[in-house]
């Protein structure tokens, strides 16, 4: 099964990929844009090229499991991606992924590293 991990941001969105038969999560790239429409268009292009079976979005929740405006923004963006691609969407708690990404060597962007961590955590949870 091919999965894409997404660390969604309104300016930069990190993307990671894994084939669950292999089990190695790899950074796939960084999507940047001036606005959400541009980010969405670029992300959909990647999705259509990679043809994942499922997309995993990092979901920002507070330490006490409360959702916020940011959480709603991710859910709405994911819903639009699903409507346009017809690919199954799932969510993974992304608490501390950015802090963990900051500890990674600087070979990839913080956003890509966060996407790798989100997707790795998703696999470990399953």
N, C-alpha and C. Protein backbone atom coordinates (compact mmCIF):
# COMPACT_ATOMS: atom_id res chain seq x y z
N UNK A 1 0.85 -1.18 0.00
CA UNK A 1 0.00 0.00 0.00
C UNK A 1 0.89 1.24 0.00
N UNK A 2 0.61 2.17 -0.88
CA UNK A 2 1.35 3.43 -0.94
C UNK A 2 0.60 4.49 -0.14
N UNK A 3 1.33 5.18 0.72
CA UNK A 3 0.75 6.23 1.54
C UNK A 3 1.53 7.52 1.35
N UNK A 4 0.82 8.63 1.39
CA UNK A 4 1.45 9.94 1.43
C UNK A 4 1.18 10.55 2.79
N UNK A 5 2.19 11.15 3.37
CA UNK A 5 2.04 11.90 4.62
C UNK A 5 2.14 13.38 4.31
N UNK A 6 1.27 14.17 4.90
CA UNK A 6 1.21 15.60 4.61
C UNK A 6 1.31 16.39 5.91
N UNK A 7 2.30 17.29 5.96
CA UNK A 7 2.38 18.29 7.03
C UNK A 7 1.91 19.60 6.40
N UNK A 8 0.62 19.87 6.52
CA UNK A 8 0.00 20.99 5.84
C UNK A 8 0.36 22.32 6.50
N UNK A 9 0.68 23.28 5.66
CA UNK A 9 0.90 24.65 6.10
C UNK A 9 0.38 25.60 5.06
N UNK A 10 0.03 26.79 5.46
CA UNK A 10 -0.55 27.75 4.53
C UNK A 10 0.51 28.39 3.62
N UNK A 11 1.80 28.23 3.96
CA UNK A 11 2.87 28.72 3.10
C UNK A 11 3.73 27.58 2.55
N UNK A 12 3.99 26.59 3.41
CA UNK A 12 4.80 25.44 3.01
C UNK A 12 4.15 24.16 3.52
N UNK A 13 4.11 23.15 2.66
CA UNK A 13 3.53 21.86 3.01
C UNK A 13 4.55 20.78 2.71
N UNK A 14 4.90 20.02 3.75
CA UNK A 14 5.84 18.92 3.57
C UNK A 14 5.11 17.65 3.16
N UNK A 15 5.77 16.85 2.31
CA UNK A 15 5.18 15.62 1.81
C UNK A 15 6.17 14.47 2.01
N UNK A 16 5.65 13.34 2.46
CA UNK A 16 6.46 12.12 2.63
C UNK A 16 5.71 10.97 1.97
N UNK A 17 6.44 9.90 1.67
CA UNK A 17 5.88 8.75 0.97
C UNK A 17 6.40 7.46 1.59
N UNK A 18 5.55 6.43 1.56
CA UNK A 18 5.98 5.10 1.98
C UNK A 18 5.21 4.04 1.21
N UNK A 19 5.91 2.98 0.86
CA UNK A 19 5.29 1.74 0.39
C UNK A 19 5.31 0.84 1.61
N UNK A 20 4.15 0.49 2.13
CA UNK A 20 4.10 -0.26 3.39
C UNK A 20 4.75 -1.64 3.28
N UNK A 21 4.89 -2.18 2.07
CA UNK A 21 5.60 -3.45 1.91
C UNK A 21 7.09 -3.29 2.19
N UNK A 22 7.61 -2.11 1.90
CA UNK A 22 9.02 -1.83 2.17
C UNK A 22 9.20 -1.26 3.57
N UNK A 23 8.31 -0.32 3.94
CA UNK A 23 8.29 0.21 5.30
C UNK A 23 9.26 1.34 5.58
N UNK A 24 9.90 1.90 4.57
CA UNK A 24 10.83 3.01 4.77
C UNK A 24 10.15 4.30 4.32
N UNK A 25 9.94 5.20 5.27
CA UNK A 25 9.30 6.47 4.96
C UNK A 25 10.35 7.43 4.40
N UNK A 26 10.04 8.02 3.25
CA UNK A 26 10.98 8.92 2.59
C UNK A 26 10.36 10.29 2.38
N UNK A 27 11.17 11.34 2.50
CA UNK A 27 10.66 12.67 2.15
C UNK A 27 10.39 12.72 0.66
N UNK A 28 9.30 13.36 0.28
CA UNK A 28 8.94 13.43 -1.13
C UNK A 28 9.04 14.85 -1.68
N UNK A 29 9.00 15.82 -0.81
CA UNK A 29 9.17 17.18 -1.30
C UNK A 29 8.49 18.21 -0.43
N UNK A 30 8.65 19.43 -0.88
CA UNK A 30 8.09 20.58 -0.20
C UNK A 30 7.23 21.33 -1.21
N UNK A 31 5.99 21.61 -0.85
CA UNK A 31 5.08 22.35 -1.71
C UNK A 31 4.96 23.75 -1.12
N UNK A 32 5.28 24.74 -1.94
CA UNK A 32 5.17 26.12 -1.50
C UNK A 32 4.23 26.87 -2.43
N UNK A 33 3.58 27.87 -1.89
CA UNK A 33 2.67 28.65 -2.71
C UNK A 33 2.33 29.97 -2.06
N UNK A 34 1.80 30.88 -2.89
CA UNK A 34 1.40 32.20 -2.41
C UNK A 34 0.08 32.15 -1.66
N UNK A 35 -0.72 31.09 -1.97
CA UNK A 35 -2.03 30.98 -1.34
C UNK A 35 -2.45 29.50 -1.33
N UNK A 36 -3.56 29.22 -0.70
CA UNK A 36 -4.03 27.83 -0.59
C UNK A 36 -4.37 27.21 -1.93
N UNK A 37 -4.88 28.01 -2.85
CA UNK A 37 -5.22 27.48 -4.18
C UNK A 37 -3.96 26.99 -4.89
N UNK A 38 -2.88 27.73 -4.79
CA UNK A 38 -1.62 27.34 -5.42
C UNK A 38 -1.04 26.09 -4.76
N UNK A 39 -1.07 26.05 -3.44
CA UNK A 39 -0.58 24.87 -2.72
C UNK A 39 -1.42 23.65 -3.09
N UNK A 40 -2.74 23.82 -3.12
CA UNK A 40 -3.65 22.73 -3.46
C UNK A 40 -3.35 22.18 -4.86
N UNK A 41 -3.19 23.07 -5.82
CA UNK A 41 -2.92 22.66 -7.20
C UNK A 41 -1.62 21.86 -7.30
N UNK A 42 -0.58 22.34 -6.65
CA UNK A 42 0.72 21.65 -6.68
C UNK A 42 0.65 20.30 -5.96
N UNK A 43 -0.06 20.27 -4.84
CA UNK A 43 -0.20 19.03 -4.07
C UNK A 43 -1.00 17.99 -4.85
N UNK A 44 -2.07 18.41 -5.49
CA UNK A 44 -2.88 17.49 -6.28
C UNK A 44 -2.06 16.91 -7.43
N UNK A 45 -1.19 17.71 -8.02
CA UNK A 45 -0.31 17.20 -9.08
C UNK A 45 0.57 16.07 -8.55
N UNK A 46 1.13 16.25 -7.37
CA UNK A 46 1.95 15.19 -6.74
C UNK A 46 1.10 13.95 -6.48
N UNK A 47 -0.08 14.15 -5.95
CA UNK A 47 -0.98 13.04 -5.62
C UNK A 47 -1.33 12.25 -6.87
N UNK A 48 -1.65 12.94 -7.94
CA UNK A 48 -2.01 12.26 -9.18
C UNK A 48 -0.82 11.51 -9.78
N UNK A 49 0.38 12.02 -9.59
CA UNK A 49 1.59 11.34 -10.07
C UNK A 49 1.91 10.11 -9.23
N UNK A 50 1.80 10.23 -7.92
CA UNK A 50 2.19 9.15 -7.00
C UNK A 50 1.11 8.09 -6.82
N UNK A 51 -0.15 8.45 -7.04
CA UNK A 51 -1.27 7.53 -6.93
C UNK A 51 -1.29 6.76 -5.59
N UNK A 52 -1.31 7.49 -4.47
CA UNK A 52 -1.34 6.79 -3.18
C UNK A 52 -2.68 6.12 -2.94
N UNK A 53 -2.67 5.10 -2.10
CA UNK A 53 -3.90 4.44 -1.69
C UNK A 53 -4.61 5.23 -0.60
N UNK A 54 -3.82 6.01 0.15
CA UNK A 54 -4.37 6.79 1.26
C UNK A 54 -3.43 7.97 1.52
N UNK A 55 -4.02 9.06 1.99
CA UNK A 55 -3.25 10.25 2.36
C UNK A 55 -3.44 10.48 3.85
N UNK A 56 -2.33 10.68 4.55
CA UNK A 56 -2.36 10.91 5.99
C UNK A 56 -1.98 12.36 6.25
N UNK A 57 -2.91 13.12 6.80
CA UNK A 57 -2.65 14.51 7.15
C UNK A 57 -2.31 14.59 8.64
N UNK A 58 -1.27 15.36 8.94
CA UNK A 58 -0.98 15.68 10.34
C UNK A 58 -2.08 16.57 10.87
N UNK A 59 -2.58 16.26 12.05
CA UNK A 59 -3.69 17.02 12.63
C UNK A 59 -3.20 17.74 13.88
N UNK A 60 -3.21 19.07 13.85
CA UNK A 60 -2.77 19.82 15.03
C UNK A 60 -3.85 19.88 16.10
N UNK A 61 -3.54 19.28 17.23
CA UNK A 61 -4.43 19.35 18.39
C UNK A 61 -3.60 19.81 19.57
N UNK A 62 -4.26 20.39 20.56
CA UNK A 62 -3.54 20.88 21.73
C UNK A 62 -3.15 19.72 22.66
N UNK A 63 -2.36 20.03 23.65
CA UNK A 63 -1.91 19.01 24.59
C UNK A 63 -3.07 18.35 25.32
N UNK A 64 -4.19 19.08 25.47
CA UNK A 64 -5.35 18.50 26.13
C UNK A 64 -6.39 18.00 25.12
N UNK A 65 -5.91 17.66 23.92
CA UNK A 65 -6.73 17.08 22.84
C UNK A 65 -7.84 17.99 22.33
N UNK A 66 -7.69 19.28 22.49
CA UNK A 66 -8.68 20.22 21.98
C UNK A 66 -8.34 20.61 20.55
N UNK A 67 -9.38 20.74 19.73
CA UNK A 67 -9.17 21.18 18.36
C UNK A 67 -9.24 22.70 18.32
N UNK A 68 -8.65 23.27 17.27
CA UNK A 68 -8.55 24.72 17.15
C UNK A 68 -8.92 25.15 15.74
N UNK A 69 -8.78 26.44 15.48
CA UNK A 69 -9.02 26.95 14.13
C UNK A 69 -8.04 26.30 13.15
N UNK A 70 -6.82 26.04 13.60
CA UNK A 70 -5.82 25.38 12.76
C UNK A 70 -6.25 23.95 12.43
N UNK A 71 -6.80 23.26 13.41
CA UNK A 71 -7.30 21.90 13.19
C UNK A 71 -8.39 21.91 12.12
N UNK A 72 -9.31 22.86 12.25
CA UNK A 72 -10.40 22.98 11.28
C UNK A 72 -9.87 23.31 9.89
N UNK A 73 -8.83 24.14 9.81
CA UNK A 73 -8.24 24.50 8.53
C UNK A 73 -7.67 23.25 7.83
N UNK A 74 -7.00 22.39 8.61
CA UNK A 74 -6.45 21.15 8.05
C UNK A 74 -7.57 20.23 7.58
N UNK A 75 -8.60 20.07 8.41
CA UNK A 75 -9.73 19.21 8.04
C UNK A 75 -10.41 19.70 6.76
N UNK A 76 -10.61 21.00 6.64
CA UNK A 76 -11.26 21.56 5.44
C UNK A 76 -10.38 21.36 4.20
N UNK A 77 -9.07 21.59 4.34
CA UNK A 77 -8.16 21.40 3.22
C UNK A 77 -8.15 19.93 2.79
N UNK A 78 -8.08 19.03 3.75
CA UNK A 78 -8.08 17.59 3.46
C UNK A 78 -9.37 17.18 2.76
N UNK A 79 -10.48 17.74 3.20
CA UNK A 79 -11.77 17.44 2.57
C UNK A 79 -11.77 17.85 1.10
N UNK A 80 -11.22 19.01 0.80
CA UNK A 80 -11.15 19.47 -0.60
C UNK A 80 -10.23 18.59 -1.43
N UNK A 81 -9.13 18.15 -0.84
CA UNK A 81 -8.21 17.25 -1.55
C UNK A 81 -8.92 15.94 -1.86
N UNK A 82 -9.67 15.42 -0.88
CA UNK A 82 -10.40 14.16 -1.10
C UNK A 82 -11.45 14.32 -2.19
N UNK A 83 -12.16 15.44 -2.19
CA UNK A 83 -13.19 15.68 -3.21
C UNK A 83 -12.58 15.70 -4.61
N UNK A 84 -11.37 16.24 -4.73
CA UNK A 84 -10.74 16.39 -6.04
C UNK A 84 -9.99 15.15 -6.50
N UNK A 85 -9.56 14.31 -5.55
CA UNK A 85 -8.75 13.14 -5.93
C UNK A 85 -9.46 11.82 -5.71
N UNK A 86 -10.51 11.81 -4.88
CA UNK A 86 -11.26 10.59 -4.53
C UNK A 86 -10.39 9.57 -3.77
N UNK A 87 -9.32 10.05 -3.14
CA UNK A 87 -8.43 9.17 -2.39
C UNK A 87 -8.78 9.27 -0.91
N UNK A 88 -8.76 8.11 -0.23
CA UNK A 88 -9.08 8.05 1.19
C UNK A 88 -8.12 8.92 2.00
N UNK A 89 -8.67 9.60 2.99
CA UNK A 89 -7.91 10.49 3.87
C UNK A 89 -7.99 9.95 5.30
N UNK A 90 -6.89 10.08 6.01
CA UNK A 90 -6.86 9.77 7.43
C UNK A 90 -6.04 10.86 8.11
N UNK A 91 -6.13 10.92 9.42
CA UNK A 91 -5.42 11.96 10.17
C UNK A 91 -4.56 11.31 11.24
N UNK A 92 -3.46 11.99 11.57
CA UNK A 92 -2.56 11.54 12.62
C UNK A 92 -2.19 12.74 13.48
N UNK A 93 -2.29 12.56 14.77
CA UNK A 93 -1.91 13.59 15.72
C UNK A 93 -0.47 14.03 15.40
N UNK A 94 -0.28 15.32 15.19
CA UNK A 94 1.05 15.80 14.83
C UNK A 94 1.75 16.56 15.97
N UNK A 95 1.23 16.41 17.18
CA UNK A 95 1.88 17.10 18.29
C UNK A 95 3.37 16.76 18.34
N UNK A 96 4.16 17.75 18.51
CA UNK A 96 5.62 17.64 18.67
C UNK A 96 6.36 17.26 17.40
N UNK A 97 5.67 17.08 16.26
CA UNK A 97 6.38 16.68 15.04
C UNK A 97 7.35 17.76 14.59
N UNK A 98 6.98 19.03 14.73
CA UNK A 98 7.89 20.11 14.32
C UNK A 98 9.12 20.17 15.22
N UNK A 99 8.91 19.98 16.52
CA UNK A 99 10.04 19.98 17.44
C UNK A 99 10.96 18.80 17.16
N UNK A 100 10.39 17.65 16.86
CA UNK A 100 11.20 16.48 16.53
C UNK A 100 11.93 16.72 15.20
N UNK A 101 11.26 17.37 14.26
CA UNK A 101 11.88 17.65 12.96
C UNK A 101 13.07 18.59 13.12
N UNK A 102 12.99 19.49 14.08
CA UNK A 102 14.10 20.42 14.31
C UNK A 102 15.36 19.69 14.78
N UNK A 103 15.20 18.50 15.30
CA UNK A 103 16.35 17.72 15.77
C UNK A 103 16.98 16.86 14.67
N UNK A 104 16.32 16.83 13.52
CA UNK A 104 16.83 16.03 12.40
C UNK A 104 17.96 16.79 11.70
N UNK A 105 18.90 16.06 11.10
CA UNK A 105 19.94 16.74 10.32
C UNK A 105 19.32 17.57 9.21
N UNK A 106 19.97 18.61 8.80
CA UNK A 106 19.43 19.59 7.86
C UNK A 106 19.41 19.19 6.41
N UNK A 107 19.31 17.91 6.08
CA UNK A 107 19.30 17.49 4.69
C UNK A 107 17.97 17.75 4.00
N UNK A 108 16.90 17.81 4.78
CA UNK A 108 15.57 18.10 4.23
C UNK A 108 14.96 19.24 5.04
N UNK A 109 13.92 19.84 4.51
CA UNK A 109 13.27 20.95 5.21
C UNK A 109 12.56 20.45 6.47
N UNK A 110 12.30 21.37 7.36
CA UNK A 110 11.55 21.07 8.59
C UNK A 110 10.18 20.48 8.26
N UNK A 111 9.55 21.02 7.20
CA UNK A 111 8.21 20.57 6.83
C UNK A 111 8.23 19.14 6.27
N UNK A 112 9.25 18.82 5.47
CA UNK A 112 9.39 17.45 4.96
C UNK A 112 9.67 16.49 6.12
N UNK A 113 10.56 16.91 7.02
CA UNK A 113 10.88 16.06 8.18
C UNK A 113 9.63 15.82 9.02
N UNK A 114 8.81 16.85 9.19
CA UNK A 114 7.56 16.69 9.94
C UNK A 114 6.62 15.71 9.25
N UNK A 115 6.55 15.77 7.92
CA UNK A 115 5.71 14.83 7.17
C UNK A 115 6.22 13.40 7.34
N UNK A 116 7.54 13.22 7.34
CA UNK A 116 8.13 11.90 7.57
C UNK A 116 7.75 11.39 8.96
N UNK A 117 7.83 12.26 9.96
CA UNK A 117 7.51 11.87 11.34
C UNK A 117 6.03 11.53 11.46
N UNK A 118 5.16 12.33 10.87
CA UNK A 118 3.72 12.07 10.91
C UNK A 118 3.40 10.71 10.30
N UNK A 119 3.98 10.43 9.14
CA UNK A 119 3.72 9.17 8.46
C UNK A 119 4.32 7.99 9.22
N UNK A 120 5.50 8.17 9.77
CA UNK A 120 6.13 7.11 10.58
C UNK A 120 5.29 6.80 11.81
N UNK A 121 4.81 7.85 12.49
CA UNK A 121 3.95 7.65 13.66
C UNK A 121 2.67 6.92 13.28
N UNK A 122 2.10 7.26 12.13
CA UNK A 122 0.89 6.61 11.66
C UNK A 122 1.14 5.11 11.46
N UNK A 123 2.24 4.78 10.81
CA UNK A 123 2.58 3.37 10.59
C UNK A 123 2.80 2.63 11.90
N UNK A 124 3.49 3.28 12.84
CA UNK A 124 3.76 2.65 14.13
C UNK A 124 2.47 2.43 14.93
N UNK A 125 1.52 3.33 14.77
CA UNK A 125 0.25 3.21 15.48
C UNK A 125 -0.61 2.08 14.90
N UNK A 126 -0.48 1.86 13.59
CA UNK A 126 -1.26 0.82 12.94
C UNK A 126 -0.61 -0.52 13.17
